Amino acid sequence: MISDGVFFDTLRQGLWVAILVSLPILSVALVVGLVIGLFQALTSIQEMTLTFVPKLAAIIAVFWVTMAFMTQTLVAFFDGHIVPLIAGGA
């Protein structure tokens, strides 16, 4: 039986890994959204595809670049924390 401390520690570490993995994509979406919003405000262009397409392209590019980091982070978390809990609890 897993104690409450181990459960909450694993949950805390899982949330931290989720933040680390999602931070590059969310930050680039924020920056691109702010830049495009500023551009739209300065030029008075209110086109919906102007916000969607560049943001999507930037997110895909950052995802492609950081895919190895995301994979290594998730594998390290599962190998270091989740799998030993499963193996020890079985």
PDB file of N, CA and C in Angstrom:
ATOM      1  N   MET A   1       0.835  -1.183   0.000  1.00  0.00           N
ATOM      2  CA  MET A   1       0.000   0.000   0.000  1.00  0.00           C
ATOM      3  C   MET A   1       0.879   1.245   0.000  1.00  0.00           C
ATOM      4  N   ILE A   2       0.562   2.178  -0.863  1.00  0.00           N
ATOM      5  CA  ILE A   2       1.341   3.405  -0.982  1.00  0.00           C
ATOM      6  C   ILE A   2       0.809   4.429   0.026  1.00  0.00           C
ATOM      7  N   SER A   3       1.740   5.075   0.731  1.00  0.00           N
ATOM      8  CA  SER A   3       1.330   6.050   1.739  1.00  0.00           C
ATOM      9  C   SER A   3       0.888   7.357   1.071  1.00  0.00           C
ATOM     10  N   ASP A   4       0.238   8.198   1.851  1.00  0.00           N
ATOM     11  CA  ASP A   4      -0.231   9.477   1.339  1.00  0.00           C
ATOM     12  C   ASP A   4       0.926  10.374   0.916  1.00  0.00           C
ATOM     13  N   GLY A   5       2.024  10.324   1.644  1.00  0.00           N
ATOM     14  CA  GLY A   5       3.187  11.146   1.316  1.00  0.00           C
ATOM     15  C   GLY A   5       3.773  10.801  -0.037  1.00  0.00           C
ATOM     16  N   VAL A   6       3.876   9.510  -0.318  1.00  0.00           N
ATOM     17  CA  VAL A   6       4.402   9.074  -1.619  1.00  0.00           C
ATOM     18  C   VAL A   6       3.444   9.479  -2.732  1.00  0.00           C
ATOM     19  N   PHE A   7       2.162   9.344  -2.488  1.00  0.00           N
ATOM     20  CA  PHE A   7       1.169   9.721  -3.491  1.00  0.00           C
ATOM     21  C   PHE A   7       1.251  11.205  -3.823  1.00  0.00           C
ATOM     22  N   PHE A   8       1.271  12.045  -2.797  1.00  0.00           N
ATOM     23  CA  PHE A   8       1.295  13.483  -3.034  1.00  0.00           C
ATOM     24  C   PHE A   8       2.630  13.944  -3.606  1.00  0.00           C
ATOM     25  N   ASP A   9       3.727  13.287  -3.222  1.00  0.00           N
ATOM     26  CA  ASP A   9       5.028  13.622  -3.797  1.00  0.00           C
ATOM     27  C   ASP A   9       5.069  13.257  -5.279  1.00  0.00           C
ATOM     28  N   THR A  10       4.525  12.108  -5.628  1.00  0.00           N
ATOM     29  CA  THR A  10       4.467  11.707  -7.035  1.00  0.00           C
ATOM     30  C   THR A  10       3.553  12.627  -7.827  1.00  0.00           C
ATOM     31  N   LEU A  11       2.452  13.030  -7.247  1.00  0.00           N
ATOM     32  CA  LEU A  11       1.547  13.964  -7.903  1.00  0.00           C
ATOM     33  C   LEU A  11       2.221  15.316  -8.119  1.00  0.00           C
ATOM     34  N   ARG A  12       2.946  15.796  -7.127  1.00  0.00           N
ATOM     35  CA  ARG A  12       3.668  17.065  -7.246  1.00  0.00           C
ATOM     36  C   ARG A  12       4.725  16.995  -8.340  1.00  0.00           C
ATOM     37  N   GLN A  13       5.472  15.905  -8.379  1.00  0.00           N
ATOM     38  CA  GLN A  13       6.490  15.744  -9.404  1.00  0.00           C
ATOM     39  C   GLN A  13       5.870  15.606 -10.794  1.00  0.00           C
ATOM     40  N   GLY A  14       4.730  14.936 -10.882  1.00  0.00           N
ATOM     41  CA  GLY A  14       4.035  14.816 -12.163  1.00  0.00           C
ATOM     42  C   GLY A  14       3.536  16.153 -12.682  1.00  0.00           C
ATOM     43  N   LEU A  15       3.024  16.988 -11.780  1.00  0.00           N
ATOM     44  CA  LEU A  15       2.597  18.327 -12.185  1.00  0.00           C
ATOM     45  C   LEU A  15       3.779  19.177 -12.628  1.00  0.00           C
ATOM     46  N   TRP A  16       4.907  19.044 -11.941  1.00  0.00           N
ATOM     47  CA  TRP A  16       6.095  19.793 -12.333  1.00  0.00           C
ATOM     48  C   TRP A  16       6.587  19.350 -13.715  1.00  0.00           C
ATOM     49  N   VAL A  17       6.563  18.053 -13.988  1.00  0.00           N
ATOM     50  CA  VAL A  17       6.956  17.552 -15.308  1.00  0.00           C
ATOM     51  C   VAL A  17       5.985  18.063 -16.373  1.00  0.00           C
ATOM     52  N   ALA A  18       4.707  18.110 -16.067  1.00  0.00           N
ATOM     53  CA  ALA A  18       3.727  18.632 -17.022  1.00  0.00           C
ATOM     54  C   ALA A  18       3.994  20.105 -17.327  1.00  0.00           C
ATOM     55  N   ILE A  19       4.369  20.871 -16.313  1.00  0.00           N
ATOM     56  CA  ILE A  19       4.702  22.284 -16.538  1.00  0.00           C
ATOM     57  C   ILE A  19       5.948  22.406 -17.396  1.00  0.00           C
ATOM     58  N   LEU A  20       6.975  21.619 -17.101  1.00  0.00           N
ATOM     59  CA  LEU A  20       8.206  21.679 -17.886  1.00  0.00           C
ATOM     60  C   LEU A  20       7.984  21.299 -19.344  1.00  0.00           C
ATOM     61  N   VAL A  21       7.160  20.292 -19.573  1.00  0.00           N
ATOM     62  CA  VAL A  21       6.928  19.828 -20.932  1.00  0.00           C
ATOM     63  C   VAL A  21       6.084  20.824 -21.729  1.00  0.00           C
ATOM     64  N   SER A  22       5.121  21.457 -21.085  1.00  0.00           N
ATOM     65  CA  SER A  22       4.229  22.361 -21.812  1.00  0.00           C
ATOM     66  C   SER A  22       4.744  23.792 -21.901  1.00  0.00           C
ATOM     67  N   LEU A  23       5.747  24.140 -21.111  1.00  0.00           N
ATOM     68  CA  LEU A  23       6.234  25.520 -21.066  1.00  0.00           C
ATOM     69  C   LEU A  23       6.747  26.050 -22.406  1.00  0.00           C
ATOM     70  N   PRO A  24       7.533  25.315 -23.178  1.00  0.00           N
ATOM     71  CA  PRO A  24       7.997  25.881 -24.458  1.00  0.00           C
ATOM     72  C   PRO A  24       6.856  26.201 -25.422  1.00  0.00           C
ATOM     73  N   ILE A  25       5.889  25.310 -25.527  1.00  0.00           N
ATOM     74  CA  ILE A  25       4.783  25.525 -26.467  1.00  0.00           C
ATOM     75  C   ILE A  25       3.892  26.665 -25.999  1.00  0.00           C
ATOM     76  N   LEU A  26       3.579  26.701 -24.716  1.00  0.00           N
ATOM     77  CA  LEU A  26       2.714  27.766 -24.211  1.00  0.00           C
ATOM     78  C   LEU A  26       3.384  29.128 -24.282  1.00  0.00           C
ATOM     79  N   SER A  27       4.677  29.175 -24.012  1.00  0.00           N
ATOM     80  CA  SER A  27       5.367  30.469 -24.063  1.00  0.00           C
ATOM     81  C   SER A  27       5.474  30.997 -25.480  1.00  0.00           C
ATOM     82  N   VAL A  28       5.735  30.124 -26.457  1.00  0.00           N
ATOM     83  CA  VAL A  28       5.808  30.609 -27.838  1.00  0.00           C
ATOM     84  C   VAL A  28       4.420  31.012 -28.330  1.00  0.00           C
ATOM     85  N   ALA A  29       3.389  30.337 -27.907  1.00  0.00           N
ATOM     86  CA  ALA A  29       2.030  30.736 -28.287  1.00  0.00           C
ATOM     87  C   ALA A  29       1.687  32.102 -27.695  1.00  0.00           C
ATOM     88  N   LEU A  30       2.119  32.348 -26.468  1.00  0.00           N
ATOM     89  CA  LEU A  30       1.886  33.646 -25.836  1.00  0.00           C
ATOM     90  C   LEU A  30       2.631  34.759 -26.566  1.00  0.00           C
ATOM     91  N   VAL A  31       3.897  34.542 -26.866  1.00  0.00           N
ATOM     92  CA  VAL A  31       4.699  35.576 -27.533  1.00  0.00           C
ATOM     93  C   VAL A  31       4.174  35.861 -28.931  1.00  0.00           C
ATOM     94  N   VAL A  32       3.893  34.820 -29.692  1.00  0.00           N
ATOM     95  CA  VAL A  32       3.375  35.024 -31.055  1.00  0.00           C
ATOM     96  C   VAL A  32       2.007  35.689 -31.010  1.00  0.00           C
ATOM     97  N   GLY A  33       1.161  35.308 -30.074  1.00  0.00           N
ATOM     98  CA  GLY A  33      -0.145  35.942 -29.936  1.00  0.00           C
ATOM     99  C   GLY A  33      -0.040  37.418 -29.599  1.00  0.00           C
ATOM    100  N   LEU A  34       0.902  37.764 -28.707  1.00  0.00           N
ATOM    101  CA  LEU A  34       1.101  39.175 -28.363  1.00  0.00           C
ATOM    102  C   LEU A  34       1.636  39.983 -29.540  1.00  0.00           C
ATOM    103  N   VAL A  35       2.576  39.415 -30.281  1.00  0.00           N
ATOM    104  CA  VAL A  35       3.136  40.115 -31.433  1.00  0.00           C
ATOM    105  C   VAL A  35       2.072  40.321 -32.504  1.00  0.00           C
ATOM    106  N   ILE A  36       1.291  39.315 -32.780  1.00  0.00           N
ATOM    107  CA  ILE A  36       0.247  39.440 -33.799  1.00  0.00           C
ATOM    108  C   ILE A  36      -0.854  40.381 -33.328  1.00  0.00           C
ATOM    109  N   GLY A  37      -1.193  40.328 -32.055  1.00  0.00           N
ATOM    110  CA  GLY A  37      -2.190  41.250 -31.521  1.00  0.00           C
ATOM    111  C   GLY A  37      -1.726  42.693 -31.613  1.00  0.00           C
ATOM    112  N   LEU A  38      -0.449  42.925 -31.317  1.00  0.00           N
ATOM    113  CA  LEU A  38       0.111  44.267 -31.449  1.00  0.00           C
ATOM    114  C   LEU A  38       0.108  44.720 -32.906  1.00  0.00           C
ATOM    115  N   PHE A  39       0.463  43.816 -33.810  1.00  0.00           N
ATOM    116  CA  PHE A  39       0.440  44.130 -35.239  1.00  0.00           C
ATOM    117  C   PHE A  39      -0.976  44.465 -35.709  1.00  0.00           C
ATOM    118  N   GLN A  40      -1.947  43.683 -35.249  1.00  0.00           N
ATOM    119  CA  GLN A  40      -3.335  43.959 -35.625  1.00  0.00           C
ATOM    120  C   GLN A  40      -3.823  45.280 -35.056  1.00  0.00           C
ATOM    121  N   ALA A  41      -3.420  45.607 -33.857  1.00  0.00           N
ATOM    122  CA  ALA A  41      -3.840  46.876 -33.265  1.00  0.00           C
ATOM    123  C   ALA A  41      -3.208  48.065 -33.984  1.00  0.00           C
ATOM    124  N   LEU A  42      -1.974  47.903 -34.426  1.00  0.00           N
ATOM    125  CA  LEU A  42      -1.294  49.000 -35.115  1.00  0.00           C
ATOM    126  C   LEU A  42      -1.795  49.207 -36.537  1.00  0.00           C
ATOM    127  N   THR A  43      -2.204  48.126 -37.198  1.00  0.00           N
ATOM    128  CA  THR A  43      -2.621  48.238 -38.604  1.00  0.00           C
ATOM    129  C   THR A  43      -4.129  48.197 -38.786  1.00  0.00           C
ATOM    130  N   SER A  44      -4.883  47.965 -37.748  1.00  0.00           N
ATOM    131  CA  SER A  44      -6.350  47.855 -37.801  1.00  0.00           C
ATOM    132  C   SER A  44      -6.825  46.739 -38.721  1.00  0.00           C
ATOM    133  N   ILE A  45      -6.019  45.691 -38.853  1.00  0.00           N
ATOM    134  CA  ILE A  45      -6.412  44.510 -39.634  1.00  0.00           C
ATOM    135  C   ILE A  45      -7.020  43.511 -38.655  1.00  0.00           C
ATOM    136  N   GLN A  46      -8.263  43.138 -38.864  1.00  0.00           N
ATOM    137  CA  GLN A  46      -8.944  42.194 -37.980  1.00  0.00           C
ATOM    138  C   GLN A  46      -9.277  40.919 -38.745  1.00  0.00           C
ATOM    139  N   GLU A  47      -8.272  40.181 -39.099  1.00  0.00           N
ATOM    140  CA  GLU A  47      -8.427  38.940 -39.850  1.00  0.00           C
ATOM    141  C   GLU A  47      -8.195  37.768 -38.900  1.00  0.00           C
ATOM    142  N   MET A  48      -9.131  36.824 -38.859  1.00  0.00           N
ATOM    143  CA  MET A  48      -9.030  35.697 -37.932  1.00  0.00           C
ATOM    144  C   MET A  48      -7.889  34.751 -38.305  1.00  0.00           C
ATOM    145  N   THR A  49      -7.666  34.542 -39.601  1.00  0.00           N
ATOM    146  CA  THR A  49      -6.590  33.634 -39.996  1.00  0.00           C
ATOM    147  C   THR A  49      -5.223  34.236 -39.713  1.00  0.00           C
ATOM    148  N   LEU A  50      -5.139  35.550 -39.585  1.00  0.00           N
ATOM    149  CA  LEU A  50      -3.866  36.185 -39.268  1.00  0.00           C
ATOM    150  C   LEU A  50      -3.391  35.797 -37.878  1.00  0.00           C
ATOM    151  N   THR A  51      -4.293  35.539 -36.974  1.00  0.00           N
ATOM    152  CA  THR A  51      -3.888  35.104 -35.637  1.00  0.00           C
ATOM    153  C   THR A  51      -3.688  33.592 -35.563  1.00  0.00           C
ATOM    154  N   PHE A  52      -4.461  32.841 -36.306  1.00  0.00           N
ATOM    155  CA  PHE A  52      -4.451  31.387 -36.170  1.00  0.00           C
ATOM    156  C   PHE A  52      -3.260  30.737 -36.870  1.00  0.00           C
ATOM    157  N   VAL A  53      -3.025  31.087 -38.110  1.00  0.00           N
ATOM    158  CA  VAL A  53      -2.020  30.393 -38.916  1.00  0.00           C
ATOM    159  C   VAL A  53      -0.595  30.611 -38.391  1.00  0.00           C
ATOM    160  N   PRO A  54      -0.154  31.835 -38.118  1.00  0.00           N
ATOM    161  CA  PRO A  54       1.213  31.984 -37.588  1.00  0.00           C
ATOM    162  C   PRO A  54       1.400  31.339 -36.212  1.00  0.00           C
ATOM    163  N   LYS A  55       0.376  31.405 -35.383  1.00  0.00           N
ATOM    164  CA  LYS A  55       0.481  30.788 -34.066  1.00  0.00           C
ATOM    165  C   LYS A  55       0.587  29.272 -34.198  1.00  0.00           C
ATOM    166  N   LEU A  56      -0.195  28.693 -35.075  1.00  0.00           N
ATOM    167  CA  LEU A  56      -0.132  27.252 -35.304  1.00  0.00           C
ATOM    168  C   LEU A  56       1.221  26.849 -35.868  1.00  0.00           C
ATOM    169  N   ALA A  57       1.745  27.626 -36.812  1.00  0.00           N
ATOM    170  CA  ALA A  57       3.048  27.323 -37.385  1.00  0.00           C
ATOM    171  C   ALA A  57       4.153  27.417 -36.337  1.00  0.00           C
ATOM    172  N   ALA A  58       4.094  28.414 -35.476  1.00  0.00           N
ATOM    173  CA  ALA A  58       5.103  28.567 -34.426  1.00  0.00           C
ATOM    174  C   ALA A  58       5.017  27.432 -33.415  1.00  0.00           C
ATOM    175  N   ILE A  59       3.808  27.022 -33.061  1.00  0.00           N
ATOM    176  CA  ILE A  59       3.639  25.919 -32.108  1.00  0.00           C
ATOM    177  C   ILE A  59       4.174  24.621 -32.695  1.00  0.00           C
ATOM    178  N   ILE A  60       3.891  24.363 -33.960  1.00  0.00           N
ATOM    179  CA  ILE A  60       4.394  23.143 -34.610  1.00  0.00           C
ATOM    180  C   ILE A  60       5.914  23.164 -34.677  1.00  0.00           C
ATOM    181  N   ALA A  61       6.500  24.322 -35.002  1.00  0.00           N
ATOM    182  CA  ALA A  61       7.958  24.427 -35.078  1.00  0.00           C
ATOM    183  C   ALA A  61       8.603  24.193 -33.714  1.00  0.00           C
ATOM    184  N   VAL A  62       8.049  24.792 -32.673  1.00  0.00           N
ATOM    185  CA  VAL A  62       8.618  24.615 -31.334  1.00  0.00           C
ATOM    186  C   VAL A  62       8.411  23.182 -30.852  1.00  0.00           C
ATOM    187  N   PHE A  63       7.280  22.596 -31.183  1.00  0.00           N
ATOM    188  CA  PHE A  63       7.050  21.197 -30.819  1.00  0.00           C
ATOM    189  C   PHE A  63       8.072  20.295 -31.486  1.00  0.00           C
ATOM    190  N   TRP A  64       8.363  20.553 -32.744  1.00  0.00           N
ATOM    191  CA  TRP A  64       9.323  19.743 -33.491  1.00  0.00           C
ATOM    192  C   TRP A  64      10.725  19.884 -32.887  1.00  0.00           C
ATOM    193  N   VAL A  65      11.094  21.106 -32.506  1.00  0.00           N
ATOM    194  CA  VAL A  65      12.427  21.353 -31.956  1.00  0.00           C
ATOM    195  C   VAL A  65      12.572  20.760 -30.558  1.00  0.00           C
ATOM    196  N   THR A  66      11.545  20.850 -29.732  1.00  0.00           N
ATOM    197  CA  THR A  66      11.644  20.409 -28.341  1.00  0.00           C
ATOM    198  C   THR A  66      11.091  19.005 -28.102  1.00  0.00           C
ATOM    199  N   MET A  67      10.806  18.280 -29.156  1.00  0.00           N
ATOM    200  CA  MET A  67      10.238  16.940 -28.992  1.00  0.00           C
ATOM    201  C   MET A  67      11.187  16.013 -28.230  1.00  0.00           C
ATOM    202  N   ALA A  68      12.487  16.098 -28.493  1.00  0.00           N
ATOM    203  CA  ALA A  68      13.447  15.238 -27.798  1.00  0.00           C
ATOM    204  C   ALA A  68      13.490  15.571 -26.304  1.00  0.00           C
ATOM    205  N   PHE A  69      13.472  16.856 -25.969  1.00  0.00           N
ATOM    206  CA  PHE A  69      13.455  17.264 -24.559  1.00  0.00           C
ATOM    207  C   PHE A  69      12.202  16.752 -23.857  1.00  0.00           C
ATOM    208  N   MET A  70      11.062  16.879 -24.513  1.00  0.00           N
ATOM    209  CA  MET A  70       9.807  16.421 -23.912  1.00  0.00           C
ATOM    210  C   MET A  70       9.827  14.914 -23.683  1.00  0.00           C
ATOM    211  N   THR A  71      10.308  14.186 -24.664  1.00  0.00           N
ATOM    212  CA  THR A  71      10.363  12.729 -24.549  1.00  0.00           C
ATOM    213  C   THR A  71      11.316  12.304 -23.439  1.00  0.00           C
ATOM    214  N   GLN A  72      12.498  12.912 -23.381  1.00  0.00           N
ATOM    215  CA  GLN A  72      13.466  12.563 -22.341  1.00  0.00           C
ATOM    216  C   GLN A  72      12.932  12.888 -20.946  1.00  0.00           C
ATOM    217  N   THR A  73      12.247  14.002 -20.820  1.00  0.00           N
ATOM    218  CA  THR A  73      11.693  14.388 -19.517  1.00  0.00           C
ATOM    219  C   THR A  73      10.623  13.405 -19.060  1.00  0.00           C
ATOM    220  N   LEU A  74       9.722  13.047 -19.963  1.00  0.00           N
ATOM    221  CA  LEU A  74       8.660  12.106 -19.600  1.00  0.00           C
ATOM    222  C   LEU A  74       9.205  10.711 -19.312  1.00  0.00           C
ATOM    223  N   VAL A  75      10.160  10.239 -20.119  1.00  0.00           N
ATOM    224  CA  VAL A  75      10.743   8.914 -19.894  1.00  0.00           C
ATOM    225  C   VAL A  75      11.497   8.884 -18.568  1.00  0.00           C
ATOM    226  N   ALA A  76      12.236   9.953 -18.271  1.00  0.00           N
ATOM    227  CA  ALA A  76      12.957  10.001 -16.989  1.00  0.00           C
ATOM    228  C   ALA A  76      11.989   9.991 -15.814  1.00  0.00           C
ATOM    229  N   PHE A  77      10.881  10.698 -15.939  1.00  0.00           N
ATOM    230  CA  PHE A  77       9.893  10.702 -14.857  1.00  0.00           C
ATOM    231  C   PHE A  77       9.282   9.317 -14.662  1.00  0.00           C
ATOM    232  N   PHE A  78       8.897   8.680 -15.762  1.00  0.00           N
ATOM    233  CA  PHE A  78       8.282   7.367 -15.635  1.00  0.00           C
ATOM    234  C   PHE A  78       9.275   6.323 -15.156  1.00  0.00           C
ATOM    235  N   ASP A  79      10.507   6.353 -15.692  1.00  0.00           N
ATOM    236  CA  ASP A  79      11.508   5.377 -15.253  1.00  0.00           C
ATOM    237  C   ASP A  79      11.956   5.608 -13.817  1.00  0.00           C
ATOM    238  N   GLY A  80      12.001   6.853 -13.407  1.00  0.00           N
ATOM    239  CA  GLY A  80      12.507   7.152 -12.078  1.00  0.00           C
ATOM    240  C   GLY A  80      11.472   7.117 -10.979  1.00  0.00           C
ATOM    241  N   HIS A  81      10.182   7.353 -11.322  1.00  0.00           N
ATOM    242  CA  HIS A  81       9.181   7.485 -10.270  1.00  0.00           C
ATOM    243  C   HIS A  81       7.987   6.534 -10.418  1.00  0.00           C
ATOM    244  N   ILE A  82       7.442   6.460 -11.604  1.00  0.00           N
ATOM    245  CA  ILE A  82       6.204   5.684 -11.777  1.00  0.00           C
ATOM    246  C   ILE A  82       6.480   4.174 -11.828  1.00  0.00           C
ATOM    247  N   VAL A  83       7.453   3.759 -12.632  1.00  0.00           N
ATOM    248  CA  VAL A  83       7.724   2.328 -12.773  1.00  0.00           C
ATOM    249  C   VAL A  83       8.185   1.706 -11.451  1.00  0.00           C
ATOM    250  N   PRO A  84       9.078   2.344 -10.673  1.00  0.00           N
ATOM    251  CA  PRO A  84       9.401   1.743  -9.375  1.00  0.00           C
ATOM    252  C   PRO A  84       8.208   1.635  -8.430  1.00  0.00           C
ATOM    253  N   LEU A  85       7.293   2.579  -8.496  1.00  0.00           N
ATOM    254  CA  LEU A  85       6.085   2.473  -7.658  1.00  0.00           C
ATOM    255  C   LEU A  85       5.233   1.288  -8.086  1.00  0.00           C
ATOM    256  N   ILE A  86       5.106   1.097  -9.397  1.00  0.00           N
ATOM    257  CA  ILE A  86       4.305  -0.030  -9.906  1.00  0.00           C
ATOM    258  C   ILE A  86       4.981  -1.343  -9.562  1.00  0.00           C
ATOM    259  N   ALA A  87       6.311  -1.409  -9.775  1.00  0.00           N
ATOM    260  CA  ALA A  87       7.032  -2.646  -9.513  1.00  0.00           C
ATOM    261  C   ALA A  87       7.068  -2.959  -8.014  1.00  0.00           C
ATOM    262  N   GLY A  88       7.190  -1.937  -7.194  1.00  0.00           N
ATOM    263  CA  GLY A  88       7.220  -2.158  -5.751  1.00  0.00           C
ATOM    264  C   GLY A  88       5.855  -2.475  -5.171  1.00  0.00           C
ATOM    265  N   GLY A  89       4.804  -1.968  -5.817  1.00  0.00           N
ATOM    266  CA  GLY A  89       3.444  -2.174  -5.316  1.00  0.00           C
ATOM    267  C   GLY A  89       2.825  -3.475  -5.754  1.00  0.00           C
ATOM    268  N   ALA A  90       3.439  -4.130  -6.759  1.00  0.00           N
ATOM    269  CA  ALA A  90       2.844  -5.357  -7.300  1.00  0.00           C
ATOM    270  C   ALA A  90       3.136  -6.553  -6.464  1.00  0.00           C
TER     271      ALA A  90
END
